[in-house]
Structures are given as structure tokens and as C-alpha cells.
């Protein structure tokens, strides 16, 4: 796994923790969850592509 893929994975997990913490502390924000889903899909797309 390349460094950029690892970085995206760590960023995605970190964003999930941050959004979950925000939701617990201040209530749900649909835009944050939407942004996290988009980030997760981008990360999955990067993981699915082959290094050439």
C-alpha cells in the first residue's frame, strides 16, 4: 500500500472519529456526515485502483 493510500485511510478514520465526537457533543450535522461519506468513497476508490 502506498503512502498516499495510508494517509487517506488515516484521514478517513480520523474524520469519522471527529464527526462522531461532534455528533455526540453538539448534535447531528448532516453536512458533516455527507462530507465524511464523500471522503470515504474517495478513499475506497483510491484503495480499489491498482498502482501502475
PDB file of N, CA and C in Angstrom:
ATOM      1  N   UNK A   1       0.854  -1.176   0.000  1.00  0.00           N
ATOM      2  CA  UNK A   1       0.000   0.000   0.000  1.00  0.00           C
ATOM      3  C   UNK A   1       0.896   1.234   0.000  1.00  0.00           C
ATOM      4  N   UNK A   2       0.576   2.182  -0.874  1.00  0.00           N
ATOM      5  CA  UNK A   2       1.403   3.376  -0.984  1.00  0.00           C
ATOM      6  C   UNK A   2       1.141   4.338   0.175  1.00  0.00           C
ATOM      7  N   UNK A   3       2.047   5.279   0.327  1.00  0.00           N
ATOM      8  CA  UNK A   3       1.924   6.246   1.405  1.00  0.00           C
ATOM      9  C   UNK A   3       0.670   7.095   1.302  1.00  0.00           C
ATOM     10  N   UNK A   4       0.282   7.466   0.073  1.00  0.00           N
ATOM     11  CA  UNK A   4      -0.905   8.309  -0.084  1.00  0.00           C
ATOM     12  C   UNK A   4      -2.175   7.553   0.295  1.00  0.00           C
ATOM     13  N   UNK A   5      -2.202   6.252   0.031  1.00  0.00           N
ATOM     14  CA  UNK A   5      -3.370   5.452   0.406  1.00  0.00           C
ATOM     15  C   UNK A   5      -3.453   5.306   1.923  1.00  0.00           C
ATOM     16  N   UNK A   6      -2.316   5.122   2.566  1.00  0.00           N
ATOM     17  CA  UNK A   6      -2.300   5.049   4.027  1.00  0.00           C
ATOM     18  C   UNK A   6      -2.753   6.373   4.628  1.00  0.00           C
ATOM     19  N   UNK A   7      -2.271   7.477   4.054  1.00  0.00           N
ATOM     20  CA  UNK A   7      -2.647   8.795   4.539  1.00  0.00           C
ATOM     21  C   UNK A   7      -4.154   9.013   4.398  1.00  0.00           C
ATOM     22  N   UNK A   8      -4.725   8.637   3.262  1.00  0.00           N
ATOM     23  CA  UNK A   8      -6.167   8.786   3.058  1.00  0.00           C
ATOM     24  C   UNK A   8      -6.943   7.925   4.049  1.00  0.00           C
ATOM     25  N   UNK A   9      -6.458   6.712   4.312  1.00  0.00           N
ATOM     26  CA  UNK A   9      -7.121   5.842   5.278  1.00  0.00           C
ATOM     27  C   UNK A   9      -7.111   6.440   6.670  1.00  0.00           C
ATOM     28  N   UNK A  10      -5.962   6.949   7.084  1.00  0.00           N
ATOM     29  CA  UNK A  10      -5.844   7.567   8.408  1.00  0.00           C
ATOM     30  C   UNK A  10      -6.720   8.814   8.487  1.00  0.00           C
ATOM     31  N   UNK A  11      -6.736   9.619   7.430  1.00  0.00           N
ATOM     32  CA  UNK A  11      -7.561  10.814   7.400  1.00  0.00           C
ATOM     33  C   UNK A  11      -9.044  10.463   7.491  1.00  0.00           C
ATOM     34  N   UNK A  12      -9.454   9.417   6.786  1.00  0.00           N
ATOM     35  CA  UNK A  12     -10.856   9.000   6.800  1.00  0.00           C
ATOM     36  C   UNK A  12     -11.273   8.516   8.183  1.00  0.00           C
ATOM     37  N   UNK A  13     -10.441   7.703   8.810  1.00  0.00           N
ATOM     38  CA  UNK A  13     -10.753   7.214  10.154  1.00  0.00           C
ATOM     39  C   UNK A  13     -10.754   8.371  11.153  1.00  0.00           C
ATOM     40  N   UNK A  14      -9.786   9.259  11.034  1.00  0.00           N
ATOM     41  CA  UNK A  14      -9.745  10.424  11.915  1.00  0.00           C
ATOM     42  C   UNK A  14     -10.971  11.313  11.751  1.00  0.00           C
ATOM     43  N   UNK A  15     -11.406  11.486  10.507  1.00  0.00           N
ATOM     44  CA  UNK A  15     -12.605  12.287  10.253  1.00  0.00           C
ATOM     45  C   UNK A  15     -13.836  11.616  10.843  1.00  0.00           C
ATOM     46  N   UNK A  16     -13.903  10.284  10.766  1.00  0.00           N
ATOM     47  CA  UNK A  16     -15.032   9.572  11.363  1.00  0.00           C
ATOM     48  C   UNK A  16     -15.071   9.795  12.865  1.00  0.00           C
ATOM     49  N   UNK A  17     -13.926   9.716  13.515  1.00  0.00           N
ATOM     50  CA  UNK A  17     -13.854   9.951  14.961  1.00  0.00           C
ATOM     51  C   UNK A  17     -14.279  11.382  15.284  1.00  0.00           C
ATOM     52  N   UNK A  18     -13.805  12.344  14.493  1.00  0.00           N
ATOM     53  CA  UNK A  18     -14.142  13.752  14.742  1.00  0.00           C
ATOM     54  C   UNK A  18     -15.638  14.010  14.547  1.00  0.00           C
ATOM     55  N   UNK A  19     -16.208  13.482  13.462  1.00  0.00           N
ATOM     56  CA  UNK A  19     -17.630  13.703  13.187  1.00  0.00           C
ATOM     57  C   UNK A  19     -18.483  13.020  14.250  1.00  0.00           C
ATOM     58  N   UNK A  20     -18.081  11.819  14.669  1.00  0.00           N
ATOM     59  CA  UNK A  20     -18.825  11.121  15.719  1.00  0.00           C
ATOM     60  C   UNK A  20     -18.758  11.910  17.024  1.00  0.00           C
ATOM     61  N   UNK A  21     -17.590  12.404  17.377  1.00  0.00           N
ATOM     62  CA  UNK A  21     -17.441  13.216  18.589  1.00  0.00           C
ATOM     63  C   UNK A  21     -18.278  14.480  18.528  1.00  0.00           C
ATOM     64  N   UNK A  22     -18.298  15.135  17.378  1.00  0.00           N
ATOM     65  CA  UNK A  22     -19.112  16.335  17.205  1.00  0.00           C
ATOM     66  C   UNK A  22     -20.593  16.001  17.381  1.00  0.00           C
ATOM     67  N   UNK A  23     -21.015  14.878  16.785  1.00  0.00           N
ATOM     68  CA  UNK A  23     -22.420  14.470  16.885  1.00  0.00           C
ATOM     69  C   UNK A  23     -22.805  14.191  18.331  1.00  0.00           C
ATOM     70  N   UNK A  24     -21.935  13.519  19.066  1.00  0.00           N
ATOM     71  CA  UNK A  24     -22.225  13.205  20.469  1.00  0.00           C
ATOM     72  C   UNK A  24     -22.283  14.487  21.296  1.00  0.00           C
ATOM     73  N   UNK A  25     -21.346  15.402  21.059  1.00  0.00           N
ATOM     74  CA  UNK A  25     -21.258  16.599  21.887  1.00  0.00           C
ATOM     75  C   UNK A  25     -22.297  17.653  21.524  1.00  0.00           C
ATOM     76  N   UNK A  26     -22.508  17.877  20.236  1.00  0.00           N
ATOM     77  CA  UNK A  26     -23.312  19.029  19.812  1.00  0.00           C
ATOM     78  C   UNK A  26     -24.540  18.665  18.988  1.00  0.00           C
ATOM     79  N   UNK A  27     -24.719  17.408  18.678  1.00  0.00           N
ATOM     80  CA  UNK A  27     -25.866  17.013  17.866  1.00  0.00           C
ATOM     81  C   UNK A  27     -25.461  16.772  16.430  1.00  0.00           C
ATOM     82  N   UNK A  28     -26.310  16.087  15.723  1.00  0.00           N
ATOM     83  CA  UNK A  28     -26.005  15.667  14.362  1.00  0.00           C
ATOM     84  C   UNK A  28     -25.951  16.845  13.401  1.00  0.00           C
ATOM     85  N   UNK A  29     -25.035  16.767  12.467  1.00  0.00           N
ATOM     86  CA  UNK A  29     -24.933  17.741  11.389  1.00  0.00           C
ATOM     87  C   UNK A  29     -24.844  16.952  10.089  1.00  0.00           C
ATOM     88  N   UNK A  30     -25.896  17.035   9.280  1.00  0.00           N
ATOM     89  CA  UNK A  30     -25.960  16.251   8.048  1.00  0.00           C
ATOM     90  C   UNK A  30     -24.834  16.534   7.078  1.00  0.00           C
ATOM     91  N   UNK A  31     -24.390  17.796   7.012  1.00  0.00           N
ATOM     92  CA  UNK A  31     -23.311  18.132   6.083  1.00  0.00           C
ATOM     93  C   UNK A  31     -21.993  17.473   6.482  1.00  0.00           C
ATOM     94  N   UNK A  32     -21.739  17.364   7.775  1.00  0.00           N
ATOM     95  CA  UNK A  32     -20.519  16.681   8.219  1.00  0.00           C
ATOM     96  C   UNK A  32     -20.553  15.215   7.820  1.00  0.00           C
ATOM     97  N   UNK A  33     -21.699  14.570   8.031  1.00  0.00           N
ATOM     98  CA  UNK A  33     -21.812  13.164   7.660  1.00  0.00           C
ATOM     99  C   UNK A  33     -21.731  12.988   6.150  1.00  0.00           C
ATOM    100  N   UNK A  34     -22.337  13.900   5.397  1.00  0.00           N
ATOM    101  CA  UNK A  34     -22.240  13.849   3.942  1.00  0.00           C
ATOM    102  C   UNK A  34     -20.782  13.979   3.508  1.00  0.00           C
ATOM    103  N   UNK A  35     -20.070  14.923   4.102  1.00  0.00           N
ATOM    104  CA  UNK A  35     -18.650  15.096   3.777  1.00  0.00           C
ATOM    105  C   UNK A  35     -17.839  13.865   4.107  1.00  0.00           C
ATOM    106  N   UNK A  36     -18.159  13.217   5.233  1.00  0.00           N
ATOM    107  CA  UNK A  36     -17.423  12.011   5.592  1.00  0.00           C
ATOM    108  C   UNK A  36     -17.708  10.872   4.608  1.00  0.00           C
ATOM    109  N   UNK A  37     -18.945  10.746   4.179  1.00  0.00           N
ATOM    110  CA  UNK A  37     -19.288   9.709   3.200  1.00  0.00           C
ATOM    111  C   UNK A  37     -18.535   9.948   1.891  1.00  0.00           C
ATOM    112  N   UNK A  38     -18.477  11.197   1.443  1.00  0.00           N
ATOM    113  CA  UNK A  38     -17.736  11.513   0.224  1.00  0.00           C
ATOM    114  C   UNK A  38     -16.262  11.168   0.407  1.00  0.00           C
ATOM    115  N   UNK A  39     -15.681  11.546   1.532  1.00  0.00           N
ATOM    116  CA  UNK A  39     -14.278  11.213   1.816  1.00  0.00           C
ATOM    117  C   UNK A  39     -14.073   9.702   1.842  1.00  0.00           C
ATOM    118  N   UNK A  40     -15.004   8.976   2.466  1.00  0.00           N
ATOM    119  CA  UNK A  40     -14.909   7.517   2.500  1.00  0.00           C
ATOM    120  C   UNK A  40     -14.973   6.906   1.115  1.00  0.00           C
ATOM    121  N   UNK A  41     -15.846   7.420   0.263  1.00  0.00           N
ATOM    122  CA  UNK A  41     -15.943   6.904  -1.109  1.00  0.00           C
ATOM    123  C   UNK A  41     -14.673   7.199  -1.903  1.00  0.00           C
ATOM    124  N   UNK A  42     -14.104   8.380  -1.709  1.00  0.00           N
ATOM    125  CA  UNK A  42     -12.836   8.697  -2.369  1.00  0.00           C
ATOM    126  C   UNK A  42     -11.723   7.764  -1.904  1.00  0.00           C
ATOM    127  N   UNK A  43     -11.706   7.487  -0.609  1.00  0.00           N
ATOM    128  CA  UNK A  43     -10.697   6.572  -0.064  1.00  0.00           C
ATOM    129  C   UNK A  43     -10.874   5.173  -0.637  1.00  0.00           C
ATOM    130  N   UNK A  44     -12.123   4.689  -0.688  1.00  0.00           N
ATOM    131  CA  UNK A  44     -12.372   3.370  -1.277  1.00  0.00           C
ATOM    132  C   UNK A  44     -11.963   3.342  -2.735  1.00  0.00           C
ATOM    133  N   UNK A  45     -12.225   4.412  -3.441  1.00  0.00           N
ATOM    134  CA  UNK A  45     -11.810   4.495  -4.852  1.00  0.00           C
ATOM    135  C   UNK A  45     -10.295   4.423  -5.000  1.00  0.00           C
ATOM    136  N   UNK A  46      -9.582   5.111  -4.110  1.00  0.00           N
ATOM    137  CA  UNK A  46      -8.114   5.047  -4.163  1.00  0.00           C
ATOM    138  C   UNK A  46      -7.613   3.644  -3.846  1.00  0.00           C
ATOM    139  N   UNK A  47      -8.239   2.991  -2.852  1.00  0.00           N
ATOM    140  CA  UNK A  47      -7.811   1.651  -2.475  1.00  0.00           C
ATOM    141  C   UNK A  47      -8.104   0.639  -3.577  1.00  0.00           C
ATOM    142  N   UNK A  48      -9.166   0.901  -4.354  1.00  0.00           N
ATOM    143  CA  UNK A  48      -9.557  -0.041  -5.403  1.00  0.00           C
ATOM    144  C   UNK A  48      -8.670   0.069  -6.637  1.00  0.00           C
ATOM    145  N   UNK A  49      -8.034   1.199  -6.827  1.00  0.00           N
ATOM    146  CA  UNK A  49      -7.185   1.377  -8.011  1.00  0.00           C
ATOM    147  C   UNK A  49      -5.860   0.684  -7.805  1.00  0.00           C
ATOM    148  N   UNK A  50      -5.309   0.209  -8.896  1.00  0.00           N
ATOM    149  CA  UNK A  50      -4.023  -0.502  -8.865  1.00  0.00           C
ATOM    150  C   UNK A  50      -2.889   0.511  -9.061  1.00  0.00           C
ATOM    151  N   UNK A  51      -1.785   0.293  -8.368  1.00  0.00           N
ATOM    152  CA  UNK A  51      -0.581   1.079  -8.624  1.00  0.00           C
ATOM    153  C   UNK A  51       0.048   0.574  -9.911  1.00  0.00           C
ATOM    154  N   UNK A  52       0.351   1.502 -10.821  1.00  0.00           N
ATOM    155  CA  UNK A  52       0.984   1.083 -12.074  1.00  0.00           C
ATOM    156  C   UNK A  52       2.302   1.778 -12.252  1.00  0.00           C
TER     157      UNK A  52
END
